[in-house]
C-alpha atoms as a PDB file:
ATOM      1  CA  UNK A   1       0.000   0.000   0.000  1.00  0.00           C
ATOM      2  CA  UNK A   2       2.721   2.470   0.924  1.00  0.00           C
ATOM      3  CA  UNK A   3       4.547   2.024  -2.339  1.00  0.00           C
ATOM      4  CA  UNK A   4       1.435   3.081  -4.233  1.00  0.00           C
ATOM      5  CA  UNK A   5       1.098   6.206  -2.087  1.00  0.00           C
ATOM      6  CA  UNK A   6       4.816   6.822  -1.726  1.00  0.00           C
ATOM      7  CA  UNK A   7       4.954  10.142  -3.571  1.00  0.00           C
ATOM      8  CA  UNK A   8       2.744  11.917  -1.060  1.00  0.00           C
ATOM      9  CA  UNK A   9       5.652  11.839   1.413  1.00  0.00           C
ATOM     10  CA  UNK A  10       8.381  14.371   0.678  1.00  0.00           C
ATOM     11  CA  UNK A  11      10.811  13.382   3.428  1.00  0.00           C
ATOM     12  CA  UNK A  12      11.761  10.070   5.054  1.00  0.00           C
ATOM     13  CA  UNK A  13      13.012  10.280   8.656  1.00  0.00           C
ATOM     14  CA  UNK A  14      14.842   6.976   9.009  1.00  0.00           C
ATOM     15  CA  UNK A  15      16.093   5.454  12.245  1.00  0.00           C
ATOM     16  CA  UNK A  16      19.459   3.657  12.162  1.00  0.00           C
ATOM     17  CA  UNK A  17      19.799   1.008  14.898  1.00  0.00           C
ATOM     18  CA  UNK A  18      17.468  -1.830  14.020  1.00  0.00           C
ATOM     19  CA  UNK A  19      16.525  -0.341  10.635  1.00  0.00           C
ATOM     20  CA  UNK A  20      19.765   0.178   8.678  1.00  0.00           C
ATOM     21  CA  UNK A  21      22.031  -1.930  10.870  1.00  0.00           C
ATOM     22  CA  UNK A  22      21.990  -4.100  13.975  1.00  0.00           C
ATOM     23  CA  UNK A  23      25.112  -3.489  16.013  1.00  0.00           C
ATOM     24  CA  UNK A  24      27.949  -3.657  13.486  1.00  0.00           C
ATOM     25  CA  UNK A  25      25.988  -5.731  10.970  1.00  0.00           C
ATOM     26  CA  UNK A  26      24.341  -3.822   8.093  1.00  0.00           C
ATOM     27  CA  UNK A  27      20.862  -4.796   6.902  1.00  0.00           C
ATOM     28  CA  UNK A  28      21.466  -5.327   3.188  1.00  0.00           C
ATOM     29  CA  UNK A  29      17.815  -4.980   2.115  1.00  0.00           C
ATOM     30  CA  UNK A  30      17.674  -1.574   3.785  1.00  0.00           C
ATOM     31  CA  UNK A  31      20.807  -0.357   2.011  1.00  0.00           C
ATOM     32  CA  UNK A  32      19.467  -1.497  -1.347  1.00  0.00           C
ATOM     33  CA  UNK A  33      16.104   0.172  -0.759  1.00  0.00           C
ATOM     34  CA  UNK A  34      17.549   3.502   0.379  1.00  0.00           C
ATOM     35  CA  UNK A  35      19.910   3.677  -2.580  1.00  0.00           C
ATOM     36  CA  UNK A  36      16.990   2.996  -4.915  1.00  0.00           C
ATOM     37  CA  UNK A  37      14.898   5.960  -3.671  1.00  0.00           C
ATOM     38  CA  UNK A  38      17.624   8.533  -2.927  1.00  0.00           C
ATOM     39  CA  UNK A  39      16.862  10.572  -6.074  1.00  0.00           C
ATOM     40  CA  UNK A  40      13.087  10.617  -5.612  1.00  0.00           C
ATOM     41  CA  UNK A  41      12.647  11.635  -1.974  1.00  0.00           C
ATOM     42  CA  UNK A  42      14.631  13.448   0.712  1.00  0.00           C
ATOM     43  CA  UNK A  43      16.099  11.135   3.343  1.00  0.00           C
ATOM     44  CA  UNK A  44      17.315  12.146   6.802  1.00  0.00           C
ATOM     45  CA  UNK A  45      18.693   9.631   9.257  1.00  0.00           C
ATOM     46  CA  UNK A  46      17.422  10.325  12.779  1.00  0.00           C
ATOM     47  CA  UNK A  47      18.926   8.381  15.646  1.00  0.00           C
ATOM     48  CA  UNK A  48      18.677   8.421  19.421  1.00  0.00           C
ATOM     49  CA  UNK A  49      22.246   7.100  19.535  1.00  0.00           C
ATOM     50  CA  UNK A  50      24.431   9.868  20.965  1.00  0.00           C
ATOM     51  CA  UNK A  51      27.761   8.037  20.976  1.00  0.00           C
ATOM     52  CA  UNK A  52      28.885   8.969  17.448  1.00  0.00           C
ATOM     53  CA  UNK A  53      29.374  12.418  15.950  1.00  0.00           C
ATOM     54  CA  UNK A  54      27.428  12.984  12.726  1.00  0.00           C
ATOM     55  CA  UNK A  55      30.661  12.837  10.717  1.00  0.00           C
ATOM     56  CA  UNK A  56      31.277   9.344  12.073  1.00  0.00           C
ATOM     57  CA  UNK A  57      27.726   8.315  11.185  1.00  0.00           C
ATOM     58  CA  UNK A  58      28.312   9.573   7.641  1.00  0.00           C
ATOM     59  CA  UNK A  59      31.517   7.540   7.402  1.00  0.00           C
ATOM     60  CA  UNK A  60      29.811   4.391   8.598  1.00  0.00           C
ATOM     61  CA  UNK A  61      26.891   4.820   6.199  1.00  0.00           C
ATOM     62  CA  UNK A  62      29.300   5.342   3.305  1.00  0.00           C
ATOM     63  CA  UNK A  63      31.311   2.302   4.380  1.00  0.00           C
ATOM     64  CA  UNK A  64      28.210   0.098   4.071  1.00  0.00           C
ATOM     65  CA  UNK A  65      27.271   1.465   0.650  1.00  0.00           C
ATOM     66  CA  UNK A  66      25.114   4.555   1.232  1.00  0.00           C
ATOM     67  CA  UNK A  67      27.605   6.800  -0.544  1.00  0.00           C
ATOM     68  CA  UNK A  68      25.424   9.858  -1.129  1.00  0.00           C
ATOM     69  CA  UNK A  69      24.905  10.789   2.519  1.00  0.00           C
ATOM     70  CA  UNK A  70      26.348  14.015   4.007  1.00  0.00           C
ATOM     71  CA  UNK A  71      26.431  15.439   7.527  1.00  0.00           C
ATOM     72  CA  UNK A  72      23.350  17.505   6.649  1.00  0.00           C
ATOM     73  CA  UNK A  73      21.420  14.240   6.255  1.00  0.00           C
ATOM     74  CA  UNK A  74      22.059  13.209   9.879  1.00  0.00           C
ATOM     75  CA  UNK A  75      20.340  14.234  13.110  1.00  0.00           C
ATOM     76  CA  UNK A  76      21.469  12.509  16.302  1.00  0.00           C
ATOM     77  CA  UNK A  77      20.138  13.014  19.803  1.00  0.00           C
ATOM     78  CA  UNK A  78      23.554  14.525  20.583  1.00  0.00           C
ATOM     79  CA  UNK A  79      23.400  17.077  17.753  1.00  0.00           C
ATOM     80  CA  UNK A  80      19.783  17.949  18.585  1.00  0.00           C
ATOM     81  CA  UNK A  81      20.569  18.409  22.283  1.00  0.00           C
ATOM     82  CA  UNK A  82      23.621  20.541  21.493  1.00  0.00           C
ATOM     83  CA  UNK A  83      21.466  22.718  19.226  1.00  0.00           C
ATOM     84  CA  UNK A  84      18.867  23.153  21.958  1.00  0.00           C
ATOM     85  CA  UNK A  85      21.452  23.914  24.653  1.00  0.00           C
ATOM     86  CA  UNK A  86      23.068  26.534  22.427  1.00  0.00           C
ATOM     87  CA  UNK A  87      19.693  28.132  21.657  1.00  0.00           C
ATOM     88  CA  UNK A  88      18.950  28.377  25.399  1.00  0.00           C
ATOM     89  CA  UNK A  89      22.213  30.212  25.999  1.00  0.00           C
ATOM     90  CA  UNK A  90      23.654  27.515  28.261  1.00  0.00           C
ATOM     91  CA  UNK A  91      27.419  27.896  28.147  1.00  0.00           C
ATOM     92  CA  UNK A  92      28.691  25.257  30.588  1.00  0.00           C
ATOM     93  CA  UNK A  93      27.696  21.577  30.868  1.00  0.00           C
ATOM     94  CA  UNK A  94      28.755  18.557  32.861  1.00  0.00           C
ATOM     95  CA  UNK A  95      28.621  15.694  30.375  1.00  0.00           C
ATOM     96  CA  UNK A  96      27.944  12.040  30.977  1.00  0.00           C
ATOM     97  CA  UNK A  97      28.326  10.624  27.509  1.00  0.00           C
ATOM     98  CA  UNK A  98      30.690   9.588  24.759  1.00  0.00           C
ATOM     99  CA  UNK A  99      32.537  11.305  21.929  1.00  0.00           C
ATOM    100  CA  UNK A 100      29.471  12.145  19.863  1.00  0.00           C
ATOM    101  CA  UNK A 101      27.842  14.237  22.577  1.00  0.00           C
ATOM    102  CA  UNK A 102      31.123  15.802  23.688  1.00  0.00           C
ATOM    103  CA  UNK A 103      32.058  16.889  20.158  1.00  0.00           C
ATOM    104  CA  UNK A 104      28.608  18.238  19.283  1.00  0.00           C
ATOM    105  CA  UNK A 105      28.605  20.413  22.404  1.00  0.00           C
ATOM    106  CA  UNK A 106      32.139  21.646  21.808  1.00  0.00           C
ATOM    107  CA  UNK A 107      31.255  22.633  18.245  1.00  0.00           C
ATOM    108  CA  UNK A 108      28.520  24.830  19.737  1.00  0.00           C
ATOM    109  CA  UNK A 109      31.159  26.500  21.983  1.00  0.00           C
ATOM    110  CA  UNK A 110      29.722  24.900  25.114  1.00  0.00           C
ATOM    111  CA  UNK A 111      32.330  24.563  27.861  1.00  0.00           C
ATOM    112  CA  UNK A 112      32.588  21.149  29.520  1.00  0.00           C
ATOM    113  CA  UNK A 113      33.168  21.350  33.267  1.00  0.00           C
ATOM    114  CA  UNK A 114      32.397  19.536  36.503  1.00  0.00           C
ATOM    115  CA  UNK A 115      30.723  22.716  37.782  1.00  0.00           C
ATOM    116  CA  UNK A 116      28.030  23.519  35.269  1.00  0.00           C
ATOM    117  CA  UNK A 117      24.682  25.102  34.429  1.00  0.00           C
ATOM    118  CA  UNK A 118      23.348  21.844  32.982  1.00  0.00           C
ATOM    119  CA  UNK A 119      23.983  18.132  33.355  1.00  0.00           C
ATOM    120  CA  UNK A 120      23.884  16.534  29.892  1.00  0.00           C
ATOM    121  CA  UNK A 121      23.385  12.777  29.896  1.00  0.00           C
ATOM    122  CA  UNK A 122      23.679  10.331  27.020  1.00  0.00           C
ATOM    123  CA  UNK A 123      24.850   6.792  26.448  1.00  0.00           C
ATOM    124  CA  UNK A 124      28.084   6.240  28.391  1.00  0.00           C
ATOM    125  CA  UNK A 125      29.827   2.864  28.456  1.00  0.00           C
ATOM    126  CA  UNK A 126      32.226   4.303  31.020  1.00  0.00           C
ATOM    127  CA  UNK A 127      29.434   5.210  33.452  1.00  0.00           C
ATOM    128  CA  UNK A 128      30.606   5.227  37.089  1.00  0.00           C
ATOM    129  CA  UNK A 129      29.542   6.030  40.630  1.00  0.00           C
ATOM    130  CA  UNK A 130      31.752   9.130  40.524  1.00  0.00           C
ATOM    131  CA  UNK A 131      29.858  10.447  37.500  1.00  0.00           C
ATOM    132  CA  UNK A 132      26.550  10.023  39.326  1.00  0.00           C
ATOM    133  CA  UNK A 133      28.029  11.893  42.286  1.00  0.00           C
ATOM    134  CA  UNK A 134      29.184  14.857  40.192  1.00  0.00           C
ATOM    135  CA  UNK A 135      25.846  14.989  38.370  1.00  0.00           C
ATOM    136  CA  UNK A 136      23.991  14.906  41.684  1.00  0.00           C
ATOM    137  CA  UNK A 137      26.098  17.743  43.097  1.00  0.00           C
ATOM    138  CA  UNK A 138      25.234  19.939  40.110  1.00  0.00           C
ATOM    139  CA  UNK A 139      21.551  19.058  40.118  1.00  0.00           C
ATOM    140  CA  UNK A 140      21.233  19.817  43.832  1.00  0.00           C
ATOM    141  CA  UNK A 141      22.645  23.266  43.067  1.00  0.00           C
ATOM    142  CA  UNK A 142      19.922  23.850  40.489  1.00  0.00           C
ATOM    143  CA  UNK A 143      21.559  22.794  37.217  1.00  0.00           C
ATOM    144  CA  UNK A 144      19.247  21.743  34.409  1.00  0.00           C
ATOM    145  CA  UNK A 145      18.931  18.003  33.774  1.00  0.00           C
ATOM    146  CA  UNK A 146      19.175  17.403  30.006  1.00  0.00           C
ATOM    147  CA  UNK A 147      19.125  13.956  28.388  1.00  0.00           C
ATOM    148  CA  UNK A 148      19.715  12.778  24.855  1.00  0.00           C
ATOM    149  CA  UNK A 149      17.198   9.932  25.085  1.00  0.00           C
ATOM    150  CA  UNK A 150      15.531   7.484  27.427  1.00  0.00           C
ATOM    151  CA  UNK A 151      15.982   4.203  25.520  1.00  0.00           C
ATOM    152  CA  UNK A 152      16.474   1.536  28.163  1.00  0.00           C
ATOM    153  CA  UNK A 153      18.136  -0.813  25.651  1.00  0.00           C
ATOM    154  CA  UNK A 154      19.442  -0.946  22.085  1.00  0.00           C
ATOM    155  CA  UNK A 155      19.815  -3.907  19.684  1.00  0.00           C
ATOM    156  CA  UNK A 156      23.165  -5.578  18.955  1.00  0.00           C
ATOM    157  CA  UNK A 157      24.230  -8.816  17.278  1.00  0.00           C
ATOM    158  CA  UNK A 158      24.387 -10.395  20.752  1.00  0.00           C
ATOM    159  CA  UNK A 159      20.936  -9.136  21.757  1.00  0.00           C
ATOM    160  CA  UNK A 160      19.720  -6.120  23.704  1.00  0.00           C
ATOM    161  CA  UNK A 161      22.249  -4.029  25.647  1.00  0.00           C
ATOM    162  CA  UNK A 162      21.680  -1.242  28.214  1.00  0.00           C
ATOM    163  CA  UNK A 163      20.951   2.134  26.636  1.00  0.00           C
ATOM    164  CA  UNK A 164      21.187   5.772  27.715  1.00  0.00           C
ATOM    165  CA  UNK A 165      17.945   5.414  29.642  1.00  0.00           C
ATOM    166  CA  UNK A 166      19.778   3.309  32.209  1.00  0.00           C
ATOM    167  CA  UNK A 167      22.172   6.202  32.925  1.00  0.00           C
ATOM    168  CA  UNK A 168      19.328   8.725  32.983  1.00  0.00           C
ATOM    169  CA  UNK A 169      17.329   6.549  35.379  1.00  0.00           C
ATOM    170  CA  UNK A 170      20.257   6.187  37.788  1.00  0.00           C
ATOM    171  CA  UNK A 171      20.758   9.953  37.987  1.00  0.00           C
ATOM    172  CA  UNK A 172      17.022  10.553  38.314  1.00  0.00           C
ATOM    173  CA  UNK A 173      16.869   8.065  41.189  1.00  0.00           C
ATOM    174  CA  UNK A 174      19.818   9.663  42.981  1.00  0.00           C
ATOM    175  CA  UNK A 175      18.580  13.234  42.572  1.00  0.00           C
ATOM    176  CA  UNK A 176      14.857  12.672  42.893  1.00  0.00           C
ATOM    177  CA  UNK A 177      14.442  14.638  39.653  1.00  0.00           C
ATOM    178  CA  UNK A 178      13.258  13.659  36.240  1.00  0.00           C
ATOM    179  CA  UNK A 179      15.059  15.279  33.279  1.00  0.00           C
ATOM    180  CA  UNK A 180      13.954  18.781  32.340  1.00  0.00           C
ATOM    181  CA  UNK A 181      14.385  17.790  28.697  1.00  0.00           C
ATOM    182  CA  UNK A 182      14.738  14.450  26.926  1.00  0.00           C
ATOM    183  CA  UNK A 183      15.280  15.466  23.326  1.00  0.00           C
ATOM    184  CA  UNK A 184      15.353  12.055  21.645  1.00  0.00           C
ATOM    185  CA  UNK A 185      12.363  10.054  20.469  1.00  0.00           C
ATOM    186  CA  UNK A 186       9.587   9.740  21.666  1.00  0.00           C
ATOM    187  CA  UNK A 187      10.020  13.463  22.346  1.00  0.00           C
ATOM    188  CA  UNK A 188       8.854  15.123  19.117  1.00  0.00           C
ATOM    189  CA  UNK A 189      11.608  17.779  19.244  1.00  0.00           C
ATOM    190  CA  UNK A 190      14.226  15.676  17.464  1.00  0.00           C
ATOM    191  CA  UNK A 191      11.784  14.752  14.694  1.00  0.00           C
ATOM    192  CA  UNK A 192      10.719  18.371  14.268  1.00  0.00           C
ATOM    193  CA  UNK A 193      14.366  19.414  13.969  1.00  0.00           C
ATOM    194  CA  UNK A 194      14.964  16.676  11.388  1.00  0.00           C
ATOM    195  CA  UNK A 195      11.807  17.519   9.406  1.00  0.00           C
ATOM    196  CA  UNK A 196      12.500  21.220   8.942  1.00  0.00           C
ATOM    197  CA  UNK A 197      11.744  22.284   5.390  1.00  0.00           C
ATOM    198  CA  UNK A 198       9.404  19.395   4.615  1.00  0.00           C
ATOM    199  CA  UNK A 199       5.608  19.390   4.388  1.00  0.00           C
ATOM    200  CA  UNK A 200       4.731  15.698   4.719  1.00  0.00           C
ATOM    201  CA  UNK A 201       7.447  13.617   6.415  1.00  0.00           C
ATOM    202  CA  UNK A 202       7.257   9.906   7.167  1.00  0.00           C
ATOM    203  CA  UNK A 203       8.972   8.449  10.248  1.00  0.00           C
ATOM    204  CA  UNK A 204      10.519   4.988   9.839  1.00  0.00           C
ATOM    205  CA  UNK A 205      11.672   3.045  12.880  1.00  0.00           C
ATOM    206  CA  UNK A 206      11.876  -0.295  14.637  1.00  0.00           C
ATOM    207  CA  UNK A 207      10.686   0.627  18.103  1.00  0.00           C
ATOM    208  CA  UNK A 208       7.070   1.387  19.036  1.00  0.00           C
ATOM    209  CA  UNK A 209       7.775   3.209  22.293  1.00  0.00           C
ATOM    210  CA  UNK A 210      10.282   5.624  20.724  1.00  0.00           C
ATOM    211  CA  UNK A 211      10.020   5.919  16.921  1.00  0.00           C
ATOM    212  CA  UNK A 212       6.277   5.369  16.554  1.00  0.00           C
ATOM    213  CA  UNK A 213       5.195   7.243  19.680  1.00  0.00           C
ATOM    214  CA  UNK A 214       7.508  10.104  18.701  1.00  0.00           C
ATOM    215  CA  UNK A 215       5.899  10.292  15.262  1.00  0.00           C
ATOM    216  CA  UNK A 216       2.418  10.369  16.797  1.00  0.00           C
ATOM    217  CA  UNK A 217       3.426  13.164  19.175  1.00  0.00           C
ATOM    218  CA  UNK A 218       4.916  15.102  16.257  1.00  0.00           C
ATOM    219  CA  UNK A 219       1.770  14.621  14.153  1.00  0.00           C
ATOM    220  CA  UNK A 220       3.596  12.554  11.534  1.00  0.00           C
ATOM    221  CA  UNK A 221       2.768   9.267   9.797  1.00  0.00           C
ATOM    222  CA  UNK A 222       4.994   6.352  10.753  1.00  0.00           C
ATOM    223  CA  UNK A 223       6.202   2.951   9.608  1.00  0.00           C
ATOM    224  CA  UNK A 224       7.274   0.148  11.920  1.00  0.00           C
ATOM    225  CA  UNK A 225      10.029  -2.021  10.420  1.00  0.00           C
ATOM    226  CA  UNK A 226      10.250  -5.449  12.063  1.00  0.00           C
ATOM    227  CA  UNK A 227      14.036  -5.818  11.734  1.00  0.00           C
ATOM    228  CA  UNK A 228      14.894  -4.366  15.144  1.00  0.00           C
ATOM    229  CA  UNK A 229      13.485  -4.272  18.666  1.00  0.00           C
ATOM    230  CA  UNK A 230       9.716  -4.582  18.183  1.00  0.00           C
ATOM    231  CA  UNK A 231       8.803  -7.967  16.720  1.00  0.00           C
ATOM    232  CA  UNK A 232       5.249  -8.442  17.957  1.00  0.00           C
ATOM    233  CA  UNK A 233       2.587  -5.759  18.350  1.00  0.00           C
ATOM    234  CA  UNK A 234       0.314  -7.819  20.567  1.00  0.00           C
ATOM    235  CA  UNK A 235      -0.196  -5.866  23.772  1.00  0.00           C
ATOM    236  CA  UNK A 236       2.013  -3.013  22.517  1.00  0.00           C
ATOM    237  CA  UNK A 237       0.746   0.567  22.764  1.00  0.00           C
ATOM    238  CA  UNK A 238       0.888   3.122  19.932  1.00  0.00           C
ATOM    239  CA  UNK A 239       0.118   1.858  16.451  1.00  0.00           C
ATOM    240  CA  UNK A 240       2.055   2.850  13.330  1.00  0.00           C
ATOM    241  CA  UNK A 241       0.281   3.725  10.104  1.00  0.00           C
ATOM    242  CA  UNK A 242       2.190   0.954   8.312  1.00  0.00           C
ATOM    243  CA  UNK A 243       4.014  -2.225   9.347  1.00  0.00           C
ATOM    244  CA  UNK A 244       6.603  -3.894   7.083  1.00  0.00           C
ATOM    245  CA  UNK A 245       9.154  -6.661   7.451  1.00  0.00           C
ATOM    246  CA  UNK A 246      12.002  -4.525   6.076  1.00  0.00           C
ATOM    247  CA  UNK A 247      12.741  -1.301   4.213  1.00  0.00           C
ATOM    248  CA  UNK A 248      12.838  -3.323   1.001  1.00  0.00           C
ATOM    249  CA  UNK A 249       9.162  -4.202   1.436  1.00  0.00           C
ATOM    250  CA  UNK A 250       8.383  -0.563   2.175  1.00  0.00           C
ATOM    251  CA  UNK A 251      10.207   1.161  -0.662  1.00  0.00           C
ATOM    252  CA  UNK A 252      10.642  -1.296  -3.543  1.00  0.00           C
END
């Protein structure tokens, strides 16, 4: 059905983990499908993963055969959060996160310090008790609590692994505060940033509680691709407009 109505959508907002790749393994059908439609519709890759800078995402996409992608075609939760922090005039952050978040903030001239106006939390595979302690100290002094995303897990070749939501939850538990902002899906902010300049975008993702719910909150149509986290919609909440086995089924 979607292929017949494909031209009504002027912009595809495509998730990465679980849609284009799983861990380090590319999904070949997805690569083929995206390359086939690149000249007929705008494509932006929108990911809650904050660990990689957009330039690194571009390199990885090119390495797996999506050679036309540029940094302007990528929105990560790290780049979206850095944009928001800059727009709010926040100049100093304590960061719990990896290179992607650190670099995006630095490119916005945000100073990284243990005494800060905001605590910025993303996926951090070096998460420690000391980092919770420093975050808590800042939050108790009134710093803003800003998070890239609340995904509790993410898919890998070995199965699900803990996501940024685990770090966010630990800091929330210690401080007794929920984040002031979670910019990643299902928050519509990241999708609205990615969709700028389009009139009828379509959100494509593998996770009902983030991709699909985010699309609903943003007032956008959505497609659930069954190559990632969500495999069975029985008992699952928000419903996508379309459900497909893979991007190949959706686009070709």
